[in-house]
Amino acid sequence: MSVCADANKILHNGYEPIIIATKLDKIKRSQVQKCLKVIREELKLTKGTKIIPYSPETKQGREEIWELMDSLTGLTLTEEA
């Protein structure tokens, strides 16, 4: 099944996806918004769908992902210890 088909199935079932767009370090900063727009259009996402650009190499976007996970679970790193 393709990524687009998976995204459409998720949307069709009433879920709100959160997209983690990896390989951020592979594109120029000036191209980030253009690439996010292409992802949004190709996956037919609604305007409010969250897309987080992320680079495993530079760790850019990591903090935003952790903050989102904390807000969704109601946990913080200090509560886990």
N, C-alpha and C. Protein backbone atom coordinates (compact mmCIF):
# COMPACT_ATOMS: atom_id res chain seq x y z
N MET A 1 0.85 -1.17 0.00
CA MET A 1 0.00 0.00 0.00
C MET A 1 0.90 1.24 0.00
N SER A 2 0.55 2.23 -0.75
CA SER A 2 1.36 3.45 -0.84
C SER A 2 1.12 4.36 0.37
N VAL A 3 2.03 5.30 0.54
CA VAL A 3 1.90 6.27 1.64
C VAL A 3 0.62 7.07 1.45
N CYS A 4 0.31 7.46 0.22
CA CYS A 4 -0.91 8.23 -0.04
C CYS A 4 -2.15 7.43 0.31
N ALA A 5 -2.15 6.15 -0.04
CA ALA A 5 -3.30 5.30 0.28
C ALA A 5 -3.45 5.15 1.78
N ASP A 6 -2.33 4.98 2.49
CA ASP A 6 -2.37 4.88 3.95
C ASP A 6 -2.93 6.16 4.57
N ALA A 7 -2.45 7.31 4.08
CA ALA A 7 -2.92 8.60 4.60
C ALA A 7 -4.41 8.77 4.34
N ASN A 8 -4.86 8.40 3.15
CA ASN A 8 -6.28 8.52 2.83
C ASN A 8 -7.13 7.62 3.72
N LYS A 9 -6.65 6.43 4.01
CA LYS A 9 -7.37 5.51 4.89
C LYS A 9 -7.49 6.11 6.30
N ILE A 10 -6.40 6.70 6.79
CA ILE A 10 -6.41 7.32 8.11
C ILE A 10 -7.42 8.47 8.15
N LEU A 11 -7.37 9.34 7.13
CA LEU A 11 -8.29 10.47 7.07
C LEU A 11 -9.73 10.02 6.93
N HIS A 12 -9.97 9.00 6.11
CA HIS A 12 -11.31 8.48 5.87
C HIS A 12 -11.93 7.92 7.15
N ASN A 13 -11.10 7.37 8.02
CA ASN A 13 -11.59 6.79 9.27
C ASN A 13 -11.71 7.81 10.39
N GLY A 14 -11.52 9.09 10.06
CA GLY A 14 -11.76 10.15 11.02
C GLY A 14 -10.59 10.50 11.93
N TYR A 15 -9.43 9.97 11.65
CA TYR A 15 -8.26 10.28 12.46
C TYR A 15 -7.54 11.51 11.94
N GLU A 16 -6.85 12.19 12.83
CA GLU A 16 -6.04 13.35 12.46
C GLU A 16 -4.58 12.94 12.48
N PRO A 17 -3.97 12.74 11.31
CA PRO A 17 -2.57 12.30 11.32
C PRO A 17 -1.62 13.41 11.74
N ILE A 18 -0.48 13.01 12.22
CA ILE A 18 0.64 13.92 12.48
C ILE A 18 1.78 13.38 11.63
N ILE A 19 2.26 14.19 10.71
CA ILE A 19 3.29 13.77 9.78
C ILE A 19 4.66 14.21 10.29
N ILE A 20 5.59 13.27 10.40
CA ILE A 20 6.98 13.58 10.72
C ILE A 20 7.74 13.48 9.40
N ALA A 21 8.13 14.63 8.87
CA ALA A 21 8.82 14.69 7.58
C ALA A 21 10.32 14.61 7.84
N THR A 22 10.88 13.41 7.63
CA THR A 22 12.30 13.20 7.90
C THR A 22 13.16 13.68 6.75
N LYS A 23 14.44 13.62 6.95
CA LYS A 23 15.45 14.03 5.96
C LYS A 23 15.52 15.55 5.79
N LEU A 24 15.16 16.29 6.82
CA LEU A 24 15.21 17.75 6.76
C LEU A 24 16.60 18.25 6.40
N ASP A 25 17.63 17.54 6.85
CA ASP A 25 19.00 17.96 6.59
C ASP A 25 19.40 17.79 5.12
N LYS A 26 18.59 17.11 4.34
CA LYS A 26 18.91 16.86 2.92
C LYS A 26 18.43 17.97 1.99
N ILE A 27 17.64 18.91 2.52
CA ILE A 27 17.14 20.00 1.67
C ILE A 27 17.61 21.34 2.20
N LYS A 28 17.67 22.32 1.31
CA LYS A 28 18.07 23.67 1.70
C LYS A 28 16.96 24.29 2.54
N ARG A 29 17.35 25.16 3.47
CA ARG A 29 16.36 25.84 4.33
C ARG A 29 15.32 26.58 3.49
N SER A 30 15.78 27.15 2.38
CA SER A 30 14.86 27.92 1.53
C SER A 30 13.83 27.03 0.85
N GLN A 31 14.03 25.71 0.86
CA GLN A 31 13.12 24.78 0.20
C GLN A 31 12.16 24.07 1.15
N VAL A 32 12.33 24.29 2.45
CA VAL A 32 11.53 23.55 3.44
C VAL A 32 10.04 23.78 3.24
N GLN A 33 9.60 25.03 3.18
CA GLN A 33 8.17 25.31 3.05
C GLN A 33 7.60 24.75 1.76
N LYS A 34 8.37 24.83 0.69
CA LYS A 34 7.93 24.27 -0.60
C LYS A 34 7.74 22.75 -0.49
N CYS A 35 8.68 22.09 0.18
CA CYS A 35 8.57 20.64 0.35
C CYS A 35 7.39 20.25 1.24
N LEU A 36 7.16 21.04 2.29
CA LEU A 36 6.01 20.76 3.15
C LEU A 36 4.70 20.94 2.39
N LYS A 37 4.66 21.93 1.51
CA LYS A 37 3.47 22.15 0.68
C LYS A 37 3.23 20.96 -0.24
N VAL A 38 4.30 20.43 -0.83
CA VAL A 38 4.17 19.26 -1.71
C VAL A 38 3.65 18.06 -0.92
N ILE A 39 4.18 17.85 0.28
CA ILE A 39 3.70 16.75 1.13
C ILE A 39 2.21 16.92 1.41
N ARG A 40 1.82 18.12 1.81
CA ARG A 40 0.42 18.41 2.12
C ARG A 40 -0.48 18.14 0.91
N GLU A 41 -0.04 18.57 -0.27
CA GLU A 41 -0.84 18.39 -1.49
C GLU A 41 -0.90 16.92 -1.93
N GLU A 42 0.25 16.25 -1.91
CA GLU A 42 0.30 14.85 -2.36
C GLU A 42 -0.52 13.92 -1.45
N LEU A 43 -0.50 14.21 -0.15
CA LEU A 43 -1.26 13.38 0.79
C LEU A 43 -2.69 13.86 0.96
N LYS A 44 -3.03 14.98 0.29
CA LYS A 44 -4.38 15.57 0.37
C LYS A 44 -4.77 15.84 1.82
N LEU A 45 -3.84 16.48 2.55
CA LEU A 45 -4.07 16.78 3.96
C LEU A 45 -4.87 18.06 4.10
N THR A 46 -5.62 18.15 5.19
CA THR A 46 -6.35 19.38 5.46
C THR A 46 -5.37 20.43 5.98
N LYS A 47 -5.77 21.67 5.92
CA LYS A 47 -4.89 22.78 6.27
C LYS A 47 -4.34 22.68 7.70
N GLY A 48 -5.10 22.18 8.64
CA GLY A 48 -4.65 22.12 10.02
C GLY A 48 -3.80 20.92 10.39
N THR A 49 -3.58 20.00 9.44
CA THR A 49 -2.81 18.80 9.75
C THR A 49 -1.38 19.17 10.10
N LYS A 50 -0.90 18.62 11.21
CA LYS A 50 0.44 18.93 11.72
C LYS A 50 1.49 18.17 10.92
N ILE A 51 2.47 18.93 10.39
CA ILE A 51 3.64 18.34 9.74
C ILE A 51 4.87 18.88 10.45
N ILE A 52 5.68 17.98 10.98
CA ILE A 52 6.88 18.39 11.70
C ILE A 52 8.11 17.97 10.89
N PRO A 53 8.85 18.95 10.38
CA PRO A 53 10.11 18.61 9.69
C PRO A 53 11.13 18.13 10.73
N TYR A 54 11.86 17.05 10.40
CA TYR A 54 12.78 16.46 11.37
C TYR A 54 14.05 15.97 10.69
N SER A 55 15.17 16.14 11.37
CA SER A 55 16.45 15.61 10.91
C SER A 55 17.07 14.79 12.01
N PRO A 56 17.23 13.48 11.80
CA PRO A 56 17.90 12.67 12.81
C PRO A 56 19.38 13.06 12.98
N GLU A 57 19.98 13.56 11.92
CA GLU A 57 21.40 13.93 11.99
C GLU A 57 21.63 15.20 12.81
N THR A 58 20.85 16.24 12.55
CA THR A 58 21.06 17.52 13.25
C THR A 58 20.16 17.65 14.48
N LYS A 59 19.22 16.74 14.64
CA LYS A 59 18.25 16.75 15.74
C LYS A 59 17.24 17.89 15.63
N GLN A 60 17.25 18.60 14.51
CA GLN A 60 16.27 19.68 14.31
C GLN A 60 14.87 19.08 14.25
N GLY A 61 13.97 19.64 15.03
CA GLY A 61 12.59 19.16 15.10
C GLY A 61 12.34 18.18 16.23
N ARG A 62 13.40 17.68 16.83
CA ARG A 62 13.24 16.67 17.89
C ARG A 62 12.47 17.20 19.08
N GLU A 63 12.81 18.41 19.51
CA GLU A 63 12.15 19.00 20.68
C GLU A 63 10.65 19.17 20.42
N GLU A 64 10.30 19.59 19.21
CA GLU A 64 8.88 19.77 18.87
C GLU A 64 8.14 18.43 18.92
N ILE A 65 8.79 17.37 18.48
CA ILE A 65 8.17 16.04 18.51
C ILE A 65 7.96 15.61 19.96
N TRP A 66 8.97 15.79 20.82
CA TRP A 66 8.83 15.43 22.24
C TRP A 66 7.73 16.24 22.92
N GLU A 67 7.69 17.53 22.63
CA GLU A 67 6.64 18.38 23.22
C GLU A 67 5.25 17.92 22.79
N LEU A 68 5.12 17.56 21.52
CA LEU A 68 3.83 17.07 21.03
C LEU A 68 3.46 15.75 21.71
N MET A 69 4.42 14.84 21.84
CA MET A 69 4.14 13.57 22.51
C MET A 69 3.75 13.80 23.96
N ASP A 70 4.45 14.72 24.62
CA ASP A 70 4.10 15.05 26.01
C ASP A 70 2.68 15.58 26.11
N SER A 71 2.32 16.48 25.19
CA SER A 71 0.98 17.07 25.25
C SER A 71 -0.10 16.05 24.94
N LEU A 72 0.18 15.09 24.07
CA LEU A 72 -0.81 14.07 23.73
C LEU A 72 -0.97 13.03 24.83
N THR A 73 0.11 12.75 25.55
CA THR A 73 0.05 11.72 26.60
C THR A 73 -0.20 12.29 27.97
N GLY A 74 0.03 13.62 28.12
CA GLY A 74 -0.11 14.24 29.42
C GLY A 74 1.08 14.02 30.32
N LEU A 75 2.17 13.46 29.76
CA LEU A 75 3.37 13.20 30.54
C LEU A 75 4.45 14.22 30.22
N THR A 76 5.37 14.38 31.13
CA THR A 76 6.58 15.16 30.88
C THR A 76 7.76 14.32 31.34
N LEU A 77 8.94 14.68 30.92
CA LEU A 77 10.13 13.90 31.29
C LEU A 77 10.32 13.86 32.80
N THR A 78 10.00 14.92 33.51
CA THR A 78 10.19 14.94 34.96
C THR A 78 9.20 14.03 35.67
N GLU A 79 8.02 13.82 35.10
CA GLU A 79 7.03 12.95 35.73
C GLU A 79 7.40 11.48 35.60
N GLU A 80 8.19 11.13 34.56
CA GLU A 80 8.54 9.73 34.34
C GLU A 80 9.60 9.25 35.32
N ALA A 81 10.45 10.15 35.79
CA ALA A 81 11.58 9.75 36.65
C ALA A 81 11.14 9.45 38.06
